[in-house]
PDB file of N, CA and C in Angstrom:
ATOM      1  N   MET A   1       3.072  -4.723  -2.916  1.00  0.00           N
ATOM      2  CA  MET A   1       2.040  -4.141  -3.743  1.00  0.00           C
ATOM      3  C   MET A   1       1.520  -2.879  -3.077  1.00  0.00           C
ATOM      4  N   ALA A   2       1.309  -1.861  -3.835  1.00  0.00           N
ATOM      5  CA  ALA A   2       0.699  -0.630  -3.346  1.00  0.00           C
ATOM      6  C   ALA A   2      -0.369  -0.210  -4.349  1.00  0.00           C
ATOM      7  N   GLU A   3      -1.429   0.337  -3.814  1.00  0.00           N
ATOM      8  CA  GLU A   3      -2.539   0.782  -4.664  1.00  0.00           C
ATOM      9  C   GLU A   3      -3.141   2.030  -4.059  1.00  0.00           C
ATOM     10  N   GLU A   4      -3.503   2.971  -4.895  1.00  0.00           N
ATOM     11  CA  GLU A   4      -4.185   4.173  -4.429  1.00  0.00           C
ATOM     12  C   GLU A   4      -5.628   4.137  -4.876  1.00  0.00           C
ATOM     13  N   VAL A   5      -6.506   4.545  -3.965  1.00  0.00           N
ATOM     14  CA  VAL A   5      -7.936   4.631  -4.251  1.00  0.00           C
ATOM     15  C   VAL A   5      -8.344   6.081  -4.019  1.00  0.00           C
ATOM     16  N   THR A   6      -8.966   6.689  -5.014  1.00  0.00           N
ATOM     17  CA  THR A   6      -9.429   8.067  -4.882  1.00  0.00           C
ATOM     18  C   THR A   6     -10.902   8.066  -4.516  1.00  0.00           C
ATOM     19  N   CYS A   7     -11.216   8.727  -3.415  1.00  0.00           N
ATOM     20  CA  CYS A   7     -12.609   8.865  -2.969  1.00  0.00           C
ATOM     21  C   CYS A   7     -13.193  10.076  -3.703  1.00  0.00           C
ATOM     22  N   THR A   8     -13.609   9.858  -4.918  1.00  0.00           N
ATOM     23  CA  THR A   8     -14.069  10.939  -5.788  1.00  0.00           C
ATOM     24  C   THR A   8     -15.198  11.740  -5.137  1.00  0.00           C
ATOM     25  N   ALA A   9     -16.192  11.053  -4.604  1.00  0.00           N
ATOM     26  CA  ALA A   9     -17.313  11.707  -3.924  1.00  0.00           C
ATOM     27  C   ALA A   9     -17.186  11.481  -2.415  1.00  0.00           C
ATOM     28  N   ALA A  10     -17.543  12.463  -1.638  1.00  0.00           N
ATOM     29  CA  ALA A  10     -17.488  12.350  -0.177  1.00  0.00           C
ATOM     30  C   ALA A  10     -18.488  11.314   0.314  1.00  0.00           C
ATOM     31  N   ASN A  11     -18.113  10.618   1.380  1.00  0.00           N
ATOM     32  CA  ASN A  11     -18.986   9.657   2.070  1.00  0.00           C
ATOM     33  C   ASN A  11     -19.542   8.569   1.153  1.00  0.00           C
ATOM     34  N   THR A  12     -18.706   8.111   0.221  1.00  0.00           N
ATOM     35  CA  THR A  12     -19.084   7.049  -0.706  1.00  0.00           C
ATOM     36  C   THR A  12     -18.050   5.936  -0.587  1.00  0.00           C
ATOM     37  N   ASP A  13     -18.505   4.690  -0.574  1.00  0.00           N
ATOM     38  CA  ASP A  13     -17.607   3.548  -0.450  1.00  0.00           C
ATOM     39  C   ASP A  13     -16.879   3.280  -1.762  1.00  0.00           C
ATOM     40  N   TYR A  14     -15.561   3.036  -1.648  1.00  0.00           N
ATOM     41  CA  TYR A  14     -14.741   2.672  -2.804  1.00  0.00           C
ATOM     42  C   TYR A  14     -13.889   1.458  -2.429  1.00  0.00           C
ATOM     43  N   PRO A  15     -13.946   0.370  -3.211  1.00  0.00           N
ATOM     44  CA  PRO A  15     -13.092  -0.796  -2.946  1.00  0.00           C
ATOM     45  C   PRO A  15     -11.759  -0.668  -3.680  1.00  0.00           C
ATOM     46  N   MET A  16     -10.769  -1.431  -3.214  1.00  0.00           N
ATOM     47  CA  MET A  16      -9.512  -1.557  -3.947  1.00  0.00           C
ATOM     48  C   MET A  16      -9.826  -2.199  -5.295  1.00  0.00           C
ATOM     49  N   ALA A  17      -9.053  -1.879  -6.316  1.00  0.00           N
ATOM     50  CA  ALA A  17      -9.265  -2.479  -7.632  1.00  0.00           C
ATOM     51  C   ALA A  17      -8.824  -3.939  -7.648  1.00  0.00           C
ATOM     52  N   SER A  18      -7.765  -4.250  -6.903  1.00  0.00           N
ATOM     53  CA  SER A  18      -7.201  -5.597  -6.900  1.00  0.00           C
ATOM     54  C   SER A  18      -7.246  -6.194  -5.505  1.00  0.00           C
ATOM     55  N   ALA A  19      -7.428  -7.494  -5.457  1.00  0.00           N
ATOM     56  CA  ALA A  19      -7.367  -8.196  -4.178  1.00  0.00           C
ATOM     57  C   ALA A  19      -5.912  -8.264  -3.719  1.00  0.00           C
ATOM     58  N   MET A  20      -5.708  -8.346  -2.413  1.00  0.00           N
ATOM     59  CA  MET A  20      -4.353  -8.485  -1.881  1.00  0.00           C
ATOM     60  C   MET A  20      -3.768  -9.825  -2.303  1.00  0.00           C
ATOM     61  N   ALA A  21      -2.474  -9.837  -2.522  1.00  0.00           N
ATOM     62  CA  ALA A  21      -1.780 -11.058  -2.945  1.00  0.00           C
ATOM     63  C   ALA A  21      -1.658 -12.037  -1.782  1.00  0.00           C
ATOM     64  N   SER A  22      -1.615 -13.326  -2.119  1.00  0.00           N
ATOM     65  CA  SER A  22      -1.399 -14.318  -1.066  1.00  0.00           C
ATOM     66  C   SER A  22      -0.051 -14.034  -0.418  1.00  0.00           C
ATOM     67  N   GLY A  23       0.046 -14.291   0.853  1.00  0.00           N
ATOM     68  CA  GLY A  23       1.263 -13.994   1.580  1.00  0.00           C
ATOM     69  C   GLY A  23       1.249 -12.639   2.258  1.00  0.00           C
ATOM     70  N   THR A  24       0.272 -11.795   1.913  1.00  0.00           N
ATOM     71  CA  THR A  24       0.150 -10.497   2.574  1.00  0.00           C
ATOM     72  C   THR A  24      -0.250 -10.722   4.024  1.00  0.00           C
ATOM     73  N   GLN A  25       0.469 -10.093   4.932  1.00  0.00           N
ATOM     74  CA  GLN A  25       0.155 -10.240   6.353  1.00  0.00           C
ATOM     75  C   GLN A  25      -0.273  -8.929   6.999  1.00  0.00           C
ATOM     76  N   TYR A  26       0.088  -7.811   6.357  1.00  0.00           N
ATOM     77  CA  TYR A  26      -0.263  -6.500   6.912  1.00  0.00           C
ATOM     78  C   TYR A  26      -0.690  -5.580   5.770  1.00  0.00           C
ATOM     79  N   LEU A  27      -1.606  -4.695   6.082  1.00  0.00           N
ATOM     80  CA  LEU A  27      -2.034  -3.681   5.133  1.00  0.00           C
ATOM     81  C   LEU A  27      -1.820  -2.328   5.799  1.00  0.00           C
ATOM     82  N   VAL A  28      -0.999  -1.484   5.167  1.00  0.00           N
ATOM     83  CA  VAL A  28      -0.750  -0.143   5.677  1.00  0.00           C
ATOM     84  C   VAL A  28      -1.675   0.807   4.926  1.00  0.00           C
ATOM     85  N   VAL A  29      -2.412   1.623   5.681  1.00  0.00           N
ATOM     86  CA  VAL A  29      -3.355   2.577   5.091  1.00  0.00           C
ATOM     87  C   VAL A  29      -2.876   3.983   5.420  1.00  0.00           C
ATOM     88  N   TYR A  30      -2.787   4.827   4.390  1.00  0.00           N
ATOM     89  CA  TYR A  30      -2.402   6.220   4.599  1.00  0.00           C
ATOM     90  C   TYR A  30      -3.285   7.135   3.754  1.00  0.00           C
ATOM     91  N   CYS A  31      -3.731   8.223   4.374  1.00  0.00           N
ATOM     92  CA  CYS A  31      -4.482   9.256   3.656  1.00  0.00           C
ATOM     93  C   CYS A  31      -4.233  10.584   4.359  1.00  0.00           C
ATOM     94  N   ALA A  32      -4.075  11.644   3.604  1.00  0.00           N
ATOM     95  CA  ALA A  32      -3.890  12.967   4.185  1.00  0.00           C
ATOM     96  C   ALA A  32      -5.170  13.449   4.870  1.00  0.00           C
ATOM     97  N   SER A  33      -6.307  12.847   4.510  1.00  0.00           N
ATOM     98  CA  SER A  33      -7.598  13.163   5.128  1.00  0.00           C
ATOM     99  C   SER A  33      -8.055  11.970   5.963  1.00  0.00           C
ATOM    100  N   ALA A  34      -8.881  12.206   6.942  1.00  0.00           N
ATOM    101  CA  ALA A  34      -9.440  11.110   7.736  1.00  0.00           C
ATOM    102  C   ALA A  34     -10.294  10.217   6.837  1.00  0.00           C
ATOM    103  N   CYS A  35     -10.306   8.919   7.140  1.00  0.00           N
ATOM    104  CA  CYS A  35     -11.116   7.991   6.349  1.00  0.00           C
ATOM    105  C   CYS A  35     -11.569   6.819   7.219  1.00  0.00           C
ATOM    106  N   ILE A  36     -12.460   6.030   6.670  1.00  0.00           N
ATOM    107  CA  ILE A  36     -12.962   4.813   7.293  1.00  0.00           C
ATOM    108  C   ILE A  36     -12.574   3.658   6.378  1.00  0.00           C
ATOM    109  N   VAL A  37     -12.028   2.570   6.946  1.00  0.00           N
ATOM    110  CA  VAL A  37     -11.560   1.426   6.169  1.00  0.00           C
ATOM    111  C   VAL A  37     -12.199   0.154   6.691  1.00  0.00           C
ATOM    112  N   SER A  38     -12.581  -0.744   5.778  1.00  0.00           N
ATOM    113  CA  SER A  38     -13.080  -2.067   6.169  1.00  0.00           C
ATOM    114  C   SER A  38     -12.500  -3.109   5.213  1.00  0.00           C
ATOM    115  N   MET A  39     -12.535  -4.357   5.623  1.00  0.00           N
ATOM    116  CA  MET A  39     -12.039  -5.457   4.796  1.00  0.00           C
ATOM    117  C   MET A  39     -13.198  -6.313   4.311  1.00  0.00           C
ATOM    118  N   GLY A  40     -13.282  -6.508   3.016  1.00  0.00           N
ATOM    119  CA  GLY A  40     -14.236  -7.446   2.448  1.00  0.00           C
ATOM    120  C   GLY A  40     -15.687  -7.030   2.487  1.00  0.00           C
ATOM    121  N   GLU A  41     -15.983  -5.825   2.920  1.00  0.00           N
ATOM    122  CA  GLU A  41     -17.366  -5.349   2.904  1.00  0.00           C
ATOM    123  C   GLU A  41     -17.382  -3.836   2.806  1.00  0.00           C
ATOM    124  N   ALA A  42     -18.476  -3.318   2.289  1.00  0.00           N
ATOM    125  CA  ALA A  42     -18.598  -1.878   2.091  1.00  0.00           C
ATOM    126  C   ALA A  42     -18.594  -1.145   3.428  1.00  0.00           C
ATOM    127  N   THR A  43     -17.941  -0.005   3.451  1.00  0.00           N
ATOM    128  CA  THR A  43     -17.953   0.850   4.636  1.00  0.00           C
ATOM    129  C   THR A  43     -19.333   1.496   4.763  1.00  0.00           C
ATOM    130  N   SER A  44     -19.678   1.856   5.981  1.00  0.00           N
ATOM    131  CA  SER A  44     -20.954   2.543   6.231  1.00  0.00           C
ATOM    132  C   SER A  44     -20.823   3.295   7.549  1.00  0.00           C
ATOM    133  N   ALA A  45     -21.922   3.838   8.025  1.00  0.00           N
ATOM    134  CA  ALA A  45     -21.903   4.540   9.308  1.00  0.00           C
ATOM    135  C   ALA A  45     -21.563   3.591  10.457  1.00  0.00           C
ATOM    136  N   THR A  46     -21.779   2.292  10.255  1.00  0.00           N
ATOM    137  CA  THR A  46     -21.530   1.326  11.330  1.00  0.00           C
ATOM    138  C   THR A  46     -20.463   0.289  10.989  1.00  0.00           C
ATOM    139  N   VAL A  47     -19.923   0.304   9.765  1.00  0.00           N
ATOM    140  CA  VAL A  47     -18.918  -0.677   9.353  1.00  0.00           C
ATOM    141  C   VAL A  47     -17.632   0.041   8.966  1.00  0.00           C
ATOM    142  N   GLY A  48     -16.540  -0.336   9.607  1.00  0.00           N
ATOM    143  CA  GLY A  48     -15.238   0.216   9.268  1.00  0.00           C
ATOM    144  C   GLY A  48     -14.518   0.761  10.479  1.00  0.00           C
ATOM    145  N   VAL A  49     -13.223   0.991  10.283  1.00  0.00           N
ATOM    146  CA  VAL A  49     -12.336   1.496  11.320  1.00  0.00           C
ATOM    147  C   VAL A  49     -11.834   2.870  10.902  1.00  0.00           C
ATOM    148  N   TYR A  50     -11.860   3.807  11.826  1.00  0.00           N
ATOM    149  CA  TYR A  50     -11.411   5.170  11.557  1.00  0.00           C
ATOM    150  C   TYR A  50      -9.889   5.208  11.450  1.00  0.00           C
ATOM    151  N   VAL A  51      -9.396   5.895  10.415  1.00  0.00           N
ATOM    152  CA  VAL A  51      -7.964   6.148  10.251  1.00  0.00           C
ATOM    153  C   VAL A  51      -7.796   7.667  10.229  1.00  0.00           C
ATOM    154  N   GLY A  52      -7.022   8.175  11.180  1.00  0.00           N
ATOM    155  CA  GLY A  52      -6.835   9.617  11.299  1.00  0.00           C
ATOM    156  C   GLY A  52      -6.075  10.220  10.136  1.00  0.00           C
ATOM    157  N   ALA A  53      -6.324  11.477   9.885  1.00  0.00           N
ATOM    158  CA  ALA A  53      -5.667  12.202   8.794  1.00  0.00           C
ATOM    159  C   ALA A  53      -4.159  12.213   8.983  1.00  0.00           C
ATOM    160  N   GLY A  54      -3.424  11.805   7.946  1.00  0.00           N
ATOM    161  CA  GLY A  54      -1.980  11.843   7.969  1.00  0.00           C
ATOM    162  C   GLY A  54      -1.323  10.848   8.909  1.00  0.00           C
ATOM    163  N   GLN A  55      -2.080   9.833   9.365  1.00  0.00           N
ATOM    164  CA  GLN A  55      -1.548   8.838  10.304  1.00  0.00           C
ATOM    165  C   GLN A  55      -1.503   7.467   9.647  1.00  0.00           C
ATOM    166  N   PRO A  56      -0.348   7.025   9.164  1.00  0.00           N
ATOM    167  CA  PRO A  56      -0.272   5.684   8.591  1.00  0.00           C
ATOM    168  C   PRO A  56      -0.709   4.668   9.645  1.00  0.00           C
ATOM    169  N   THR A  57      -1.568   3.756   9.253  1.00  0.00           N
ATOM    170  CA  THR A  57      -2.110   2.773  10.186  1.00  0.00           C
ATOM    171  C   THR A  57      -1.888   1.387   9.606  1.00  0.00           C
ATOM    172  N   VAL A  58      -1.388   0.469  10.431  1.00  0.00           N
ATOM    173  CA  VAL A  58      -1.083  -0.890  10.000  1.00  0.00           C
ATOM    174  C   VAL A  58      -2.152  -1.837  10.540  1.00  0.00           C
ATOM    175  N   PHE A  59      -2.745  -2.625   9.637  1.00  0.00           N
ATOM    176  CA  PHE A  59      -3.742  -3.620  10.012  1.00  0.00           C
ATOM    177  C   PHE A  59      -3.211  -5.012   9.693  1.00  0.00           C
ATOM    178  N   PRO A  60      -3.278  -5.951  10.650  1.00  0.00           N
ATOM    179  CA  PRO A  60      -2.966  -7.339  10.316  1.00  0.00           C
ATOM    180  C   PRO A  60      -4.111  -7.892   9.466  1.00  0.00           C
ATOM    181  N   VAL A  61      -3.802  -8.655   8.437  1.00  0.00           N
ATOM    182  CA  VAL A  61      -4.830  -9.209   7.557  1.00  0.00           C
ATOM    183  C   VAL A  61      -4.568 -10.687   7.292  1.00  0.00           C
ATOM    184  N   THR A  62      -5.615 -11.377   6.916  1.00  0.00           N
ATOM    185  CA  THR A  62      -5.520 -12.770   6.496  1.00  0.00           C
ATOM    186  C   THR A  62      -6.098 -12.861   5.097  1.00  0.00           C
ATOM    187  N   VAL A  63      -5.276 -13.225   4.133  1.00  0.00           N
ATOM    188  CA  VAL A  63      -5.740 -13.367   2.750  1.00  0.00           C
ATOM    189  C   VAL A  63      -6.450 -14.709   2.632  1.00  0.00           C
ATOM    190  N   THR A  64      -7.695 -14.660   2.152  1.00  0.00           N
ATOM    191  CA  THR A  64      -8.533 -15.859   2.089  1.00  0.00           C
ATOM    192  C   THR A  64      -8.493 -16.556   0.738  1.00  0.00           C
ATOM    193  N   GLY A  65      -8.105 -15.819  -0.312  1.00  0.00           N
ATOM    194  CA  GLY A  65      -8.155 -16.378  -1.655  1.00  0.00           C
ATOM    195  C   GLY A  65      -9.468 -16.078  -2.357  1.00  0.00           C
ATOM    196  N   THR A  66     -10.410 -15.472  -1.641  1.00  0.00           N
ATOM    197  CA  THR A  66     -11.687 -15.048  -2.220  1.00  0.00           C
ATOM    198  C   THR A  66     -11.575 -13.559  -2.533  1.00  0.00           C
ATOM    199  N   THR A  67     -11.641 -13.206  -3.807  1.00  0.00           N
ATOM    200  CA  THR A  67     -11.391 -11.833  -4.239  1.00  0.00           C
ATOM    201  C   THR A  67     -12.192 -10.803  -3.453  1.00  0.00           C
ATOM    202  N   ALA A  68     -13.486 -11.007  -3.290  1.00  0.00           N
ATOM    203  CA  ALA A  68     -14.324 -10.025  -2.596  1.00  0.00           C
ATOM    204  C   ALA A  68     -13.880  -9.829  -1.146  1.00  0.00           C
ATOM    205  N   ASP A  69     -13.433 -10.895  -0.501  1.00  0.00           N
ATOM    206  CA  ASP A  69     -13.000 -10.816   0.899  1.00  0.00           C
ATOM    207  C   ASP A  69     -11.625 -10.182   1.047  1.00  0.00           C
ATOM    208  N   ASP A  70     -10.827 -10.230   0.002  1.00  0.00           N
ATOM    209  CA  ASP A  70      -9.439  -9.775   0.071  1.00  0.00           C
ATOM    210  C   ASP A  70      -9.231  -8.361  -0.469  1.00  0.00           C
ATOM    211  N   LYS A  71     -10.303  -7.590  -0.562  1.00  0.00           N
ATOM    212  CA  LYS A  71     -10.209  -6.191  -0.974  1.00  0.00           C
ATOM    213  C   LYS A  71     -10.619  -5.292   0.184  1.00  0.00           C
ATOM    214  N   ALA A  72      -9.809  -4.267   0.434  1.00  0.00           N
ATOM    215  CA  ALA A  72     -10.180  -3.263   1.418  1.00  0.00           C
ATOM    216  C   ALA A  72     -11.147  -2.279   0.767  1.00  0.00           C
ATOM    217  N   HIS A  73     -11.977  -1.682   1.590  1.00  0.00           N
ATOM    218  CA  HIS A  73     -12.906  -0.639   1.153  1.00  0.00           C
ATOM    219  C   HIS A  73     -12.602   0.613   1.963  1.00  0.00           C
ATOM    220  N   VAL A  74     -12.886   1.770   1.385  1.00  0.00           N
ATOM    221  CA  VAL A  74     -12.604   3.029   2.073  1.00  0.00           C
ATOM    222  C   VAL A  74     -13.661   4.066   1.733  1.00  0.00           C
ATOM    223  N   ARG A  75     -13.860   4.989   2.658  1.00  0.00           N
ATOM    224  CA  ARG A  75     -14.684   6.178   2.419  1.00  0.00           C
ATOM    225  C   ARG A  75     -14.084   7.322   3.192  1.00  0.00           C
ATOM    226  N   SER A  76     -14.252   8.521   2.674  1.00  0.00           N
ATOM    227  CA  SER A  76     -13.750   9.716   3.350  1.00  0.00           C
ATOM    228  C   SER A  76     -14.796  10.812   3.233  1.00  0.00           C
ATOM    229  N   ALA A  77     -14.861  11.651   4.241  1.00  0.00           N
ATOM    230  CA  ALA A  77     -15.773  12.804   4.199  1.00  0.00           C
ATOM    231  C   ALA A  77     -15.224  13.891   3.276  1.00  0.00           C
ATOM    232  N   THR A  78     -13.979  13.720   2.824  1.00  0.00           N
ATOM    233  CA  THR A  78     -13.333  14.690   1.950  1.00  0.00           C
ATOM    234  C   THR A  78     -13.355  14.197   0.506  1.00  0.00           C
ATOM    235  N   ALA A  79     -14.121  14.869  -0.346  1.00  0.00           N
ATOM    236  CA  ALA A  79     -14.155  14.497  -1.757  1.00  0.00           C
ATOM    237  C   ALA A  79     -12.766  14.672  -2.360  1.00  0.00           C
ATOM    238  N   GLY A  80     -12.331  13.688  -3.144  1.00  0.00           N
ATOM    239  CA  GLY A  80     -11.033  13.738  -3.788  1.00  0.00           C
ATOM    240  C   GLY A  80      -9.894  13.185  -2.945  1.00  0.00           C
ATOM    241  N   ALA A  81     -10.193  12.720  -1.735  1.00  0.00           N
ATOM    242  CA  ALA A  81      -9.145  12.157  -0.872  1.00  0.00           C
ATOM    243  C   ALA A  81      -8.524  10.936  -1.555  1.00  0.00           C
ATOM    244  N   VAL A  82      -7.201  10.832  -1.495  1.00  0.00           N
ATOM    245  CA  VAL A  82      -6.488   9.704  -2.082  1.00  0.00           C
ATOM    246  C   VAL A  82      -5.954   8.841  -0.935  1.00  0.00           C
ATOM    247  N   VAL A  83      -6.368   7.572  -0.931  1.00  0.00           N
ATOM    248  CA  VAL A  83      -5.983   6.635   0.118  1.00  0.00           C
ATOM    249  C   VAL A  83      -4.986   5.647  -0.480  1.00  0.00           C
ATOM    250  N   ARG A  84      -3.843   5.484   0.171  1.00  0.00           N
ATOM    251  CA  ARG A  84      -2.814   4.562  -0.307  1.00  0.00           C
ATOM    252  C   ARG A  84      -2.814   3.319   0.564  1.00  0.00           C
ATOM    253  N   PHE A  85      -2.968   2.172  -0.083  1.00  0.00           N
ATOM    254  CA  PHE A  85      -2.905   0.871   0.574  1.00  0.00           C
ATOM    255  C   PHE A  85      -1.596   0.210   0.178  1.00  0.00           C
ATOM    256  N   THR A  86      -0.811  -0.219   1.149  1.00  0.00           N
ATOM    257  CA  THR A  86       0.440  -0.926   0.874  1.00  0.00           C
ATOM    258  C   THR A  86       0.395  -2.278   1.568  1.00  0.00           C
ATOM    259  N   SER A  87       0.533  -3.356   0.798  1.00  0.00           N
ATOM    260  CA  SER A  87       0.534  -4.712   1.349  1.00  0.00           C
ATOM    261  C   SER A  87       1.949  -5.083   1.752  1.00  0.00           C
ATOM    262  N   MET A  88       2.065  -5.774   2.894  1.00  0.00           N
ATOM    263  CA  MET A  88       3.380  -6.181   3.386  1.00  0.00           C
ATOM    264  C   MET A  88       3.327  -7.618   3.879  1.00  0.00           C
ATOM    265  N   ALA A  89       4.430  -8.309   3.730  1.00  0.00           N
ATOM    266  CA  ALA A  89       4.609  -9.646   4.295  1.00  0.00           C
ATOM    267  C   ALA A  89       5.754  -9.575   5.290  1.00  0.00           C
ATOM    268  N   ASN A  90       5.880 -10.574   6.143  1.00  0.00           N
ATOM    269  CA  ASN A  90       6.987 -10.597   7.105  1.00  0.00           C
ATOM    270  C   ASN A  90       8.303 -10.757   6.404  1.00  0.00           C
TER     271      ASN A  90
END
């Protein structure tokens, strides 16, 4: 599964539209602009992990079956940044 999230406004939290499928073990995050990513909660100045511009980053994940917990959230200082999330299993 792959999903793109557009950060329409700068420094605003945007969640994935769909929860990750069961069996997902890794989430690959890519954006041409730097962004902050968190799992299951809104990003903020103190919540989230920095992903460098143009650097695909792989995160190990555990799918819980709870929709709110199984969605990544993202924010970017660049308005219009498009973040691609790709779910992977072993």
